[in-house]
Amino acid sequence: MMRIASEYVRFAGEHPHLYGVMNGTTVDADERRRVAEPAIGVLKELLTTWSDTHDVVLADPDEACEIIWGTLYGIASLGHLGTIGSERARRLAEQALRAILLGWRAEAPGNG
């Protein structure tokens, strides 16, 4: 998942016009979601494998996926806009994902 996080942010920085079209209002929300389904499926599969490996029960895997996607989108957008730069955005994306996963592990039964 760390590599996907880093590559998503890298893509935003290296392909700003395509990233803008993919995430802007040019394409309606339903179509963006439909086109993103394969990537969302991969993320859900990775989350399921991670949660099984670490004995973490995700109350709502769809919400967990959206939390990660939203976080990465926000950081990628900061990199894409030049606010923090692409390389820093990549590092922050990995740190954010690591923090989210560690938080979910800490909340797992038996870890409280």
Protein backbone atom coordinates (compact mmCIF):
# COMPACT_ATOMS: atom_id res chain seq x y z
CA MET A 1 0.00 0.00 0.00
CA MET A 2 2.91 2.36 0.66
CA ARG A 3 4.08 2.02 -2.93
CA ILE A 4 0.58 2.72 -4.27
CA ALA A 5 0.34 5.80 -2.05
CA SER A 6 3.69 7.07 -3.29
CA GLU A 7 2.94 6.33 -6.95
CA TYR A 8 -0.50 8.00 -6.81
CA VAL A 9 1.12 11.19 -5.55
CA ARG A 10 3.99 10.89 -8.06
CA PHE A 11 1.46 10.58 -10.89
CA ALA A 12 -0.33 13.75 -9.75
CA GLY A 13 2.94 15.67 -9.79
CA GLU A 14 4.20 14.32 -13.10
CA HIS A 15 0.88 14.52 -14.98
CA PRO A 16 -0.83 17.64 -13.62
CA HIS A 17 -3.22 18.14 -16.54
CA LEU A 18 -4.41 14.53 -16.58
CA TYR A 19 -4.68 14.49 -12.78
CA GLY A 20 -6.74 17.69 -12.99
CA VAL A 21 -9.12 16.18 -15.54
CA MET A 22 -9.40 12.95 -13.55
CA ASN A 23 -10.29 14.79 -10.34
CA GLY A 24 -11.98 17.96 -11.55
CA THR A 25 -15.56 18.67 -12.52
CA THR A 26 -15.01 18.04 -16.25
CA VAL A 27 -16.11 14.44 -15.66
CA ASP A 28 -19.20 13.94 -13.52
CA ALA A 29 -18.86 12.22 -10.14
CA ASP A 30 -20.63 8.99 -11.15
CA GLU A 31 -18.38 8.51 -14.16
CA ARG A 32 -15.24 9.26 -12.13
CA ARG A 33 -16.32 6.65 -9.57
CA ARG A 34 -17.11 4.09 -12.29
CA VAL A 35 -13.71 4.55 -13.93
CA ALA A 36 -11.95 4.41 -10.54
CA GLU A 37 -13.63 1.11 -9.53
CA PRO A 38 -10.70 -1.12 -10.59
CA ALA A 39 -8.27 0.93 -8.49
CA ILE A 40 -10.73 1.00 -5.60
CA GLY A 41 -11.01 -2.79 -5.88
CA VAL A 42 -7.24 -3.17 -5.61
CA LEU A 43 -7.16 -0.90 -2.55
CA LYS A 44 -9.99 -2.87 -0.91
CA GLU A 45 -8.17 -6.13 -1.59
CA LEU A 46 -4.96 -4.75 -0.07
CA LEU A 47 -6.88 -3.46 2.96
CA THR A 48 -8.53 -6.85 3.42
CA THR A 49 -5.17 -8.63 3.28
CA TRP A 50 -3.65 -6.09 5.68
CA SER A 51 -6.56 -6.33 8.14
CA ASP A 52 -6.48 -10.15 8.07
CA THR A 53 -2.70 -10.16 8.62
CA HIS A 54 -2.92 -7.77 11.58
CA ASP A 55 -6.19 -9.08 13.10
CA VAL A 56 -7.88 -5.74 12.52
CA VAL A 57 -11.62 -5.70 11.94
CA LEU A 58 -12.55 -2.76 9.76
CA ALA A 59 -16.13 -1.84 10.67
CA ASP A 60 -16.79 -0.63 7.14
CA PRO A 61 -14.19 -1.53 4.49
CA ASP A 62 -15.76 0.95 2.05
CA GLU A 63 -15.31 3.79 4.54
CA ALA A 64 -11.75 2.64 5.29
CA CYS A 65 -10.99 2.79 1.57
CA GLU A 66 -12.51 6.28 1.31
CA ILE A 67 -10.48 7.49 4.30
CA ILE A 68 -7.27 6.37 2.60
CA TRP A 69 -8.31 7.60 -0.83
CA GLY A 70 -9.37 10.99 0.56
CA THR A 71 -6.14 11.41 2.50
CA LEU A 72 -4.00 10.52 -0.50
CA TYR A 73 -6.10 12.73 -2.77
CA GLY A 74 -5.61 15.70 -0.43
CA ILE A 75 -1.86 15.22 -0.21
CA ALA A 76 -1.56 14.56 -3.95
CA SER A 77 -3.51 17.76 -4.61
CA LEU A 78 -1.13 19.76 -2.43
CA GLY A 79 1.76 18.34 -4.43
CA HIS A 80 -0.06 18.83 -7.73
CA LEU A 81 -0.75 22.48 -6.94
CA GLY A 82 2.88 23.04 -5.98
CA THR A 83 1.95 23.92 -2.40
CA ILE A 84 4.35 21.37 -0.89
CA GLY A 85 6.14 19.93 -3.93
CA SER A 86 5.92 16.47 -5.38
CA GLU A 87 8.73 14.76 -3.43
CA ARG A 88 7.52 16.07 -0.09
CA ALA A 89 3.98 15.05 -1.00
CA ARG A 90 5.20 11.49 -1.65
CA ARG A 91 6.88 11.32 1.76
CA LEU A 92 3.82 12.78 3.49
CA ALA A 93 1.50 10.32 1.72
CA GLU A 94 3.51 7.39 3.04
CA GLN A 95 3.62 8.88 6.54
CA ALA A 96 -0.13 9.53 6.51
CA LEU A 97 -0.94 6.02 5.35
CA ARG A 98 1.39 4.54 7.98
CA ALA A 99 -0.29 6.65 10.69
CA ILE A 100 -3.79 5.59 9.61
CA LEU A 101 -2.85 1.90 9.58
CA LEU A 102 -1.12 2.15 12.96
CA GLY A 103 -4.20 3.87 14.37
CA TRP A 104 -6.45 1.08 13.14
CA ARG A 105 -4.08 -1.50 14.63
CA ALA A 106 -4.10 0.31 17.98
CA GLU A 107 -7.90 0.24 18.03
CA ALA A 108 -8.05 -3.50 17.31
CA PRO A 109 -9.51 -5.70 20.06
CA GLY A 110 -6.79 -6.75 22.46
CA ASN A 111 -4.68 -3.70 21.67
CA GLY A 112 -6.63 -1.27 23.84
